[in-house]
Amino acid sequence: MLIALVAFAFVSSATPGPNNLMLMASGANFGVRRTLPHMFGVAFGFVLMIILVGTGLMRVFDVYPVGYELLRAFSIVYLLYLAWKIATSSNKNAPSAGAPLSTIQAALFQWVNPKAWAMALTGVSVYAPSQNLVAVGLLALIFGAINLPSIFVWVVMGQKMQRFLSQGVRLRWFNYSMALLLVATLYPVLFVGP
């Protein structure tokens, strides 16, 4: 069971999704050092999400199903806003280039990230179905240990692309591509039932 959990945590953490696409875009636009707070926010926010979901947060949605629909609507709007921000990002050296997400912003983003919800719900229901605190804690610990290095690779990949993207037109097209891919991650939210 532990091997299956580690494999699930690795595959779900390392594959493309809103967090990884945004981290790669941030690495390309701002570099690794400036993206570290964003990266740590993703890791911390997701571990916290697993703990809260695993200790019974989903019961709130069972009692108040409209809360799920409100979260879903907010997720769609916020992901579209972030896609727009990525598409309109400029060169990291420009004074108006903006900044990557802060640790708090990235941690809060987990609550509107469809992939994070799918990972947390699947992880808890398959690997900690009893919602026992020890099982939930182990799940969160394993995800935290695997998630951080996995998402760091995406930041580094983004930074490694900086030289290629140093020409304004290449960076602009990269940002447009990342924004479109981020919008594409909304497919399950829009067209697949809860």
Protein backbone atom coordinates (compact mmCIF):
# COMPACT_ATOMS: atom_id res chain seq x y z
CA MET A 1 0.00 0.00 0.00
CA LEU A 2 2.86 2.37 0.83
CA ILE A 3 4.51 1.78 -2.56
CA ALA A 4 1.21 2.50 -4.31
CA LEU A 5 0.79 5.71 -2.28
CA VAL A 6 4.31 6.89 -3.12
CA ALA A 7 3.71 6.15 -6.82
CA PHE A 8 0.37 8.01 -6.74
CA ALA A 9 1.93 10.99 -4.97
CA PHE A 10 4.81 11.11 -7.46
CA VAL A 11 2.72 10.78 -10.61
CA SER A 12 0.09 13.28 -9.47
CA SER A 13 2.73 15.77 -8.26
CA ALA A 14 5.04 15.53 -11.28
CA THR A 15 2.50 15.64 -14.10
CA PRO A 16 1.24 18.88 -15.68
CA GLY A 17 -1.51 20.75 -13.89
CA PRO A 18 -2.25 24.32 -12.82
CA ASN A 19 0.47 24.41 -10.15
CA ASN A 20 3.22 22.98 -12.33
CA LEU A 21 2.34 25.11 -15.35
CA MET A 22 2.27 28.26 -13.22
CA LEU A 23 5.57 27.32 -11.54
CA MET A 24 7.24 26.71 -14.90
CA ALA A 25 5.96 30.02 -16.23
CA SER A 26 7.14 31.74 -13.06
CA GLY A 27 10.57 30.10 -13.34
CA ALA A 28 10.83 31.29 -16.95
CA ASN A 29 9.69 34.82 -16.14
CA PHE A 30 11.27 35.39 -12.71
CA GLY A 31 13.89 32.69 -12.13
CA VAL A 32 14.21 30.09 -9.40
CA ARG A 33 15.08 32.38 -6.49
CA ARG A 34 12.09 34.70 -6.98
CA THR A 35 9.78 31.70 -7.51
CA LEU A 36 10.74 29.89 -4.27
CA PRO A 37 7.99 31.54 -2.16
CA HIS A 38 5.42 30.48 -4.77
CA MET A 39 6.82 26.93 -4.74
CA PHE A 40 6.83 26.66 -0.92
CA GLY A 41 3.26 28.02 -0.86
CA VAL A 42 2.13 25.25 -3.22
CA ALA A 43 3.77 22.56 -1.10
CA PHE A 44 2.52 23.92 2.24
CA GLY A 45 -0.96 24.70 0.93
CA PHE A 46 -1.42 21.24 -0.51
CA VAL A 47 -0.25 19.46 2.65
CA LEU A 48 -2.68 21.60 4.66
CA MET A 49 -5.44 20.76 2.19
CA ILE A 50 -4.85 17.03 2.63
CA ILE A 51 -4.96 17.38 6.41
CA LEU A 52 -8.20 19.38 6.36
CA VAL A 53 -9.88 17.18 3.75
CA GLY A 54 -8.70 14.08 5.57
CA THR A 55 -10.07 15.27 8.90
CA GLY A 56 -13.56 15.85 7.58
CA LEU A 57 -13.81 19.06 5.57
CA MET A 58 -15.73 17.23 2.85
CA ARG A 59 -18.62 16.72 5.26
CA VAL A 60 -19.28 20.47 4.93
CA PHE A 61 -19.96 19.98 1.21
CA ASP A 62 -22.23 17.04 2.00
CA VAL A 63 -24.28 19.25 4.33
CA TYR A 64 -24.08 22.37 2.12
CA PRO A 65 -23.80 21.22 -1.54
CA VAL A 66 -24.16 24.81 -2.75
CA GLY A 67 -20.71 25.43 -1.22
CA TYR A 68 -19.21 23.03 -3.77
CA GLU A 69 -20.88 24.87 -6.65
CA LEU A 70 -19.66 28.24 -5.32
CA LEU A 71 -16.12 26.88 -5.00
CA ARG A 72 -16.33 25.50 -8.52
CA ALA A 73 -17.50 28.84 -9.98
CA PHE A 74 -14.80 30.75 -8.08
CA SER A 75 -12.17 28.23 -9.28
CA ILE A 76 -13.11 28.80 -12.90
CA VAL A 77 -13.03 32.58 -12.62
CA TYR A 78 -9.75 32.60 -10.69
CA LEU A 79 -7.99 30.20 -13.07
CA LEU A 80 -9.08 32.34 -16.01
CA TYR A 81 -7.70 35.42 -14.21
CA LEU A 82 -4.38 33.65 -13.57
CA ALA A 83 -4.21 32.54 -17.20
CA TRP A 84 -4.67 36.17 -18.25
CA LYS A 85 -1.90 37.23 -15.83
CA ILE A 86 0.46 34.63 -17.31
CA ALA A 87 -0.43 35.58 -20.89
CA THR A 88 0.29 39.24 -20.19
CA SER A 89 3.52 38.63 -18.24
CA SER A 90 6.53 40.41 -19.62
CA ASN A 91 10.28 40.05 -19.34
CA LYS A 92 11.54 39.51 -15.78
CA ASN A 93 13.98 42.41 -16.14
CA ALA A 94 11.29 44.94 -16.95
CA PRO A 95 10.24 47.14 -13.99
CA SER A 96 6.57 46.48 -14.65
CA ALA A 97 7.06 42.72 -14.92
CA GLY A 98 5.12 42.08 -11.72
CA ALA A 99 5.99 39.31 -9.32
CA PRO A 100 5.38 35.61 -8.87
CA LEU A 101 2.71 34.45 -6.46
CA SER A 102 3.61 34.86 -2.80
CA THR A 103 3.68 31.94 -0.37
CA ILE A 104 0.22 32.82 0.98
CA GLN A 105 -1.26 33.35 -2.50
CA ALA A 106 0.10 30.00 -3.69
CA ALA A 107 -1.15 28.22 -0.54
CA LEU A 108 -4.62 29.72 -0.98
CA PHE A 109 -4.59 28.83 -4.68
CA GLN A 110 -4.77 25.14 -3.72
CA TRP A 111 -8.38 25.67 -2.64
CA VAL A 112 -9.43 26.69 -6.16
CA ASN A 113 -7.12 24.30 -8.01
CA PRO A 114 -9.15 21.45 -9.56
CA LYS A 115 -6.15 19.10 -9.75
CA ALA A 116 -5.26 19.72 -6.08
CA TRP A 117 -8.85 18.84 -5.09
CA ALA A 118 -8.76 15.68 -7.20
CA MET A 119 -5.41 14.66 -5.72
CA ALA A 120 -6.51 15.35 -2.14
CA LEU A 121 -9.90 13.64 -2.48
CA THR A 122 -8.43 10.59 -4.22
CA GLY A 123 -5.54 10.37 -1.79
CA VAL A 124 -7.77 10.54 1.27
CA SER A 125 -10.48 8.22 -0.06
CA VAL A 126 -8.03 5.55 -1.28
CA TYR A 127 -5.15 5.76 1.22
CA ALA A 128 -6.84 7.11 4.37
CA PRO A 129 -10.53 6.13 4.03
CA SER A 130 -11.00 5.81 7.79
CA GLN A 131 -9.85 9.45 8.14
CA ASN A 132 -7.71 8.28 11.05
CA LEU A 133 -5.34 11.09 12.09
CA VAL A 134 -2.27 8.86 11.78
CA ALA A 135 -3.25 7.76 8.25
CA VAL A 136 -4.04 11.34 7.20
CA GLY A 137 -0.77 12.57 8.74
CA LEU A 138 1.22 9.89 6.89
CA LEU A 139 -0.56 10.77 3.65
CA ALA A 140 0.25 14.46 4.12
CA LEU A 141 3.87 13.68 5.04
CA ILE A 142 4.43 11.50 1.98
CA PHE A 143 2.80 14.03 -0.33
CA GLY A 144 4.87 16.84 1.17
CA ALA A 145 8.12 14.88 0.79
CA ILE A 146 7.39 13.99 -2.83
CA ASN A 147 5.60 17.13 -3.95
CA LEU A 148 8.31 19.67 -3.13
CA PRO A 149 11.11 18.14 -5.24
CA SER A 150 8.65 17.33 -8.03
CA ILE A 151 7.42 20.90 -8.36
CA PHE A 152 10.98 22.24 -8.02
CA VAL A 153 11.82 20.46 -11.27
CA TRP A 154 9.12 22.51 -13.04
CA VAL A 155 10.58 25.76 -11.69
CA VAL A 156 14.07 24.76 -12.85
CA MET A 157 12.73 23.77 -16.29
CA GLY A 158 11.20 27.21 -16.58
CA GLN A 159 14.44 28.93 -15.60
CA LYS A 160 16.45 26.75 -18.02
CA MET A 161 14.23 28.05 -20.80
CA GLN A 162 15.08 31.68 -19.99
CA ARG A 163 17.97 31.92 -22.45
CA PHE A 164 15.79 30.59 -25.26
CA LEU A 165 12.96 32.85 -24.14
CA SER A 166 15.15 35.94 -23.82
CA GLN A 167 13.78 37.27 -27.09
CA GLY A 168 10.54 39.07 -26.32
CA VAL A 169 8.49 37.32 -28.97
CA ARG A 170 9.49 33.83 -27.74
CA LEU A 171 8.66 34.71 -24.14
CA ARG A 172 5.35 36.17 -25.23
CA TRP A 173 4.43 32.98 -27.12
CA PHE A 174 5.61 30.82 -24.22
CA ASN A 175 3.38 32.81 -21.84
CA TYR A 176 0.44 32.52 -24.25
CA SER A 177 1.02 28.75 -24.45
CA MET A 178 1.21 28.38 -20.67
CA ALA A 179 -1.97 30.44 -20.28
CA LEU A 180 -3.82 28.26 -22.81
CA LEU A 181 -2.62 25.10 -21.10
CA LEU A 182 -3.81 26.49 -17.77
CA VAL A 183 -7.24 27.16 -19.28
CA ALA A 184 -7.22 23.60 -20.67
CA THR A 185 -6.91 22.27 -17.11
CA LEU A 186 -10.45 23.54 -16.58
CA TYR A 187 -11.85 20.79 -18.82
CA PRO A 188 -12.64 18.40 -15.94
CA VAL A 189 -14.29 21.20 -13.96
CA LEU A 190 -16.46 22.31 -16.87
CA PHE A 191 -17.32 19.04 -18.58
CA VAL A 192 -16.95 16.24 -16.06
CA GLY A 193 -19.46 15.90 -13.27
CA PRO A 194 -18.54 16.24 -9.57
